[in-house]
Amino acid sequence: MAESMENNRSRLRRLRAANPGWSTDKNAKWNAANPEKRQAHKAVEYALRSGKLVKQPCERCGATDSVHAHHDYYSKPLEVRWLCPTDHRQRHRELANLAEAA
């Protein structure tokens, strides 16, 4: 797993080096298309810096490294679930499956 992550990092470094501004443009487009998500992400960043929120271990496996704040509802920006990267991806798969079933 660590090897594939390093390969991905290397691929992204090469892509950014060959295409100056690619990442900035991509992020700007995402931010413009997702204002509610962006606002929720920024609210969590600010709450973490100010101490209003404190990172917790992954609620599924207990991991403490690289824990992400996951929003089930972006309209409630400080209601987050703390998930490790693996469980965060799994949660998004679960949500996608629920959306498909509906």
C-alpha atoms as a PDB file:
ATOM      1  CA  MET A   1       0.000   0.000   0.000  1.00  0.00           C
ATOM      2  CA  ALA A   2       2.766   2.448   0.924  1.00  0.00           C
ATOM      3  CA  GLU A   3       4.491   1.742  -2.389  1.00  0.00           C
ATOM      4  CA  SER A   4       1.375   2.543  -4.416  1.00  0.00           C
ATOM      5  CA  MET A   5       0.885   5.773  -2.423  1.00  0.00           C
ATOM      6  CA  GLU A   6       4.473   6.793  -3.194  1.00  0.00           C
ATOM      7  CA  ASN A   7       3.932   5.941  -6.878  1.00  0.00           C
ATOM      8  CA  ASN A   8       0.839   8.152  -6.879  1.00  0.00           C
ATOM      9  CA  ARG A   9       2.754  10.992  -5.216  1.00  0.00           C
ATOM     10  CA  SER A  10       5.505  10.689  -7.825  1.00  0.00           C
ATOM     11  CA  ARG A  11       2.951  10.683 -10.638  1.00  0.00           C
ATOM     12  CA  LEU A  12       1.301  13.818  -9.260  1.00  0.00           C
ATOM     13  CA  ARG A  13       4.665  15.574  -8.840  1.00  0.00           C
ATOM     14  CA  ARG A  14       5.492  14.832 -12.500  1.00  0.00           C
ATOM     15  CA  LEU A  15       2.032  15.977 -13.631  1.00  0.00           C
ATOM     16  CA  ARG A  16       2.305  19.261 -11.702  1.00  0.00           C
ATOM     17  CA  ALA A  17       5.854  19.873 -12.989  1.00  0.00           C
ATOM     18  CA  ALA A  18       4.771  19.308 -16.593  1.00  0.00           C
ATOM     19  CA  ASN A  19       1.585  21.397 -16.233  1.00  0.00           C
ATOM     20  CA  PRO A  20       2.191  24.538 -14.170  1.00  0.00           C
ATOM     21  CA  GLY A  21      -1.027  25.813 -12.644  1.00  0.00           C
ATOM     22  CA  TRP A  22      -2.871  22.505 -13.190  1.00  0.00           C
ATOM     23  CA  SER A  23      -3.480  21.878  -9.508  1.00  0.00           C
ATOM     24  CA  THR A  24      -4.405  25.512  -8.825  1.00  0.00           C
ATOM     25  CA  ASP A  25      -6.869  25.570 -11.729  1.00  0.00           C
ATOM     26  CA  LYS A  26      -8.360  22.225 -10.734  1.00  0.00           C
ATOM     27  CA  ASN A  27      -8.816  23.374  -7.131  1.00  0.00           C
ATOM     28  CA  ALA A  28     -10.345  26.704  -8.189  1.00  0.00           C
ATOM     29  CA  LYS A  29     -12.892  24.885 -10.378  1.00  0.00           C
ATOM     30  CA  TRP A  30     -13.779  22.487  -7.551  1.00  0.00           C
ATOM     31  CA  ASN A  31     -14.145  25.362  -5.073  1.00  0.00           C
ATOM     32  CA  ALA A  32     -16.439  27.260  -7.459  1.00  0.00           C
ATOM     33  CA  ALA A  33     -18.568  24.170  -8.104  1.00  0.00           C
ATOM     34  CA  ASN A  34     -18.812  23.157  -4.417  1.00  0.00           C
ATOM     35  CA  PRO A  35     -19.264  26.262  -2.251  1.00  0.00           C
ATOM     36  CA  GLU A  36     -21.107  24.466   0.577  1.00  0.00           C
ATOM     37  CA  LYS A  37     -18.443  21.758   0.817  1.00  0.00           C
ATOM     38  CA  ARG A  38     -15.675  24.359   0.696  1.00  0.00           C
ATOM     39  CA  GLN A  39     -17.323  26.368   3.475  1.00  0.00           C
ATOM     40  CA  ALA A  40     -17.679  23.245   5.646  1.00  0.00           C
ATOM     41  CA  HIS A  41     -14.039  22.280   5.076  1.00  0.00           C
ATOM     42  CA  LYS A  42     -12.862  25.778   5.982  1.00  0.00           C
ATOM     43  CA  ALA A  43     -15.059  25.774   9.113  1.00  0.00           C
ATOM     44  CA  VAL A  44     -13.402  22.539  10.279  1.00  0.00           C
ATOM     45  CA  GLU A  45      -9.920  23.914   9.528  1.00  0.00           C
ATOM     46  CA  TYR A  46     -10.674  27.040  11.577  1.00  0.00           C
ATOM     47  CA  ALA A  47     -12.250  25.052  14.430  1.00  0.00           C
ATOM     48  CA  LEU A  48      -9.186  22.790  14.598  1.00  0.00           C
ATOM     49  CA  ARG A  49      -6.816  25.781  14.677  1.00  0.00           C
ATOM     50  CA  SER A  50      -8.866  27.585  17.322  1.00  0.00           C
ATOM     51  CA  GLY A  51      -9.292  24.477  19.473  1.00  0.00           C
ATOM     52  CA  LYS A  52     -13.065  24.299  19.066  1.00  0.00           C
ATOM     53  CA  LEU A  53     -12.592  20.865  17.465  1.00  0.00           C
ATOM     54  CA  VAL A  54      -9.936  18.322  18.377  1.00  0.00           C
ATOM     55  CA  LYS A  55      -9.005  15.448  16.097  1.00  0.00           C
ATOM     56  CA  GLN A  56     -10.136  12.103  17.447  1.00  0.00           C
ATOM     57  CA  PRO A  57      -9.074   8.545  16.573  1.00  0.00           C
ATOM     58  CA  CYS A  58     -10.852   6.840  13.680  1.00  0.00           C
ATOM     59  CA  GLU A  59     -14.303   5.893  14.923  1.00  0.00           C
ATOM     60  CA  ARG A  60     -14.160   2.571  13.070  1.00  0.00           C
ATOM     61  CA  CYS A  61     -10.668   1.202  13.636  1.00  0.00           C
ATOM     62  CA  GLY A  62      -9.143   3.486  16.264  1.00  0.00           C
ATOM     63  CA  ALA A  63      -6.226   4.609  14.078  1.00  0.00           C
ATOM     64  CA  THR A  64      -4.697   7.950  15.042  1.00  0.00           C
ATOM     65  CA  ASP A  65      -2.522   8.680  11.966  1.00  0.00           C
ATOM     66  CA  SER A  66      -3.864  10.925   9.188  1.00  0.00           C
ATOM     67  CA  VAL A  67      -7.404  11.015  10.532  1.00  0.00           C
ATOM     68  CA  HIS A  68      -9.868  12.970   8.330  1.00  0.00           C
ATOM     69  CA  ALA A  69     -12.976  14.893   9.274  1.00  0.00           C
ATOM     70  CA  HIS A  70     -15.863  13.430   7.263  1.00  0.00           C
ATOM     71  CA  HIS A  71     -19.115  15.346   6.788  1.00  0.00           C
ATOM     72  CA  ASP A  72     -22.305  13.352   6.394  1.00  0.00           C
ATOM     73  CA  TYR A  73     -24.141  16.686   6.088  1.00  0.00           C
ATOM     74  CA  TYR A  74     -22.322  19.739   4.788  1.00  0.00           C
ATOM     75  CA  SER A  75     -25.101  21.919   6.171  1.00  0.00           C
ATOM     76  CA  LYS A  76     -23.790  20.977   9.637  1.00  0.00           C
ATOM     77  CA  PRO A  77     -20.118  21.914   9.152  1.00  0.00           C
ATOM     78  CA  LEU A  78     -18.867  21.062  12.646  1.00  0.00           C
ATOM     79  CA  GLU A  79     -20.671  17.717  12.856  1.00  0.00           C
ATOM     80  CA  VAL A  80     -17.921  15.436  11.608  1.00  0.00           C
ATOM     81  CA  ARG A  81     -16.942  11.805  11.853  1.00  0.00           C
ATOM     82  CA  TRP A  82     -13.252  11.126  12.367  1.00  0.00           C
ATOM     83  CA  LEU A  83     -12.099   8.471   9.916  1.00  0.00           C
ATOM     84  CA  CYS A  84      -8.731   7.153   8.765  1.00  0.00           C
ATOM     85  CA  PRO A  85      -8.129   7.375   4.997  1.00  0.00           C
ATOM     86  CA  THR A  86      -9.159   3.751   4.410  1.00  0.00           C
ATOM     87  CA  ASP A  87     -12.395   4.039   6.374  1.00  0.00           C
ATOM     88  CA  HIS A  88     -13.074   7.464   4.845  1.00  0.00           C
ATOM     89  CA  ARG A  89     -12.946   5.956   1.337  1.00  0.00           C
ATOM     90  CA  GLN A  90     -15.163   3.098   2.544  1.00  0.00           C
ATOM     91  CA  ARG A  91     -17.714   5.586   3.945  1.00  0.00           C
ATOM     92  CA  HIS A  92     -17.882   7.373   0.584  1.00  0.00           C
ATOM     93  CA  ARG A  93     -18.427   4.007  -1.143  1.00  0.00           C
ATOM     94  CA  GLU A  94     -21.256   3.247   1.297  1.00  0.00           C
ATOM     95  CA  LEU A  95     -22.866   6.622   0.598  1.00  0.00           C
ATOM     96  CA  ALA A  96     -22.522   6.096  -3.176  1.00  0.00           C
ATOM     97  CA  ASN A  97     -24.174   2.683  -2.858  1.00  0.00           C
ATOM     98  CA  LEU A  98     -27.034   4.187  -0.850  1.00  0.00           C
ATOM     99  CA  ALA A  99     -27.515   6.868  -3.510  1.00  0.00           C
ATOM    100  CA  GLU A 100     -27.580   4.229  -6.257  1.00  0.00           C
ATOM    101  CA  ALA A 101     -30.146   2.158  -4.361  1.00  0.00           C
ATOM    102  CA  ALA A 102     -32.476   5.130  -3.890  1.00  0.00           C
END
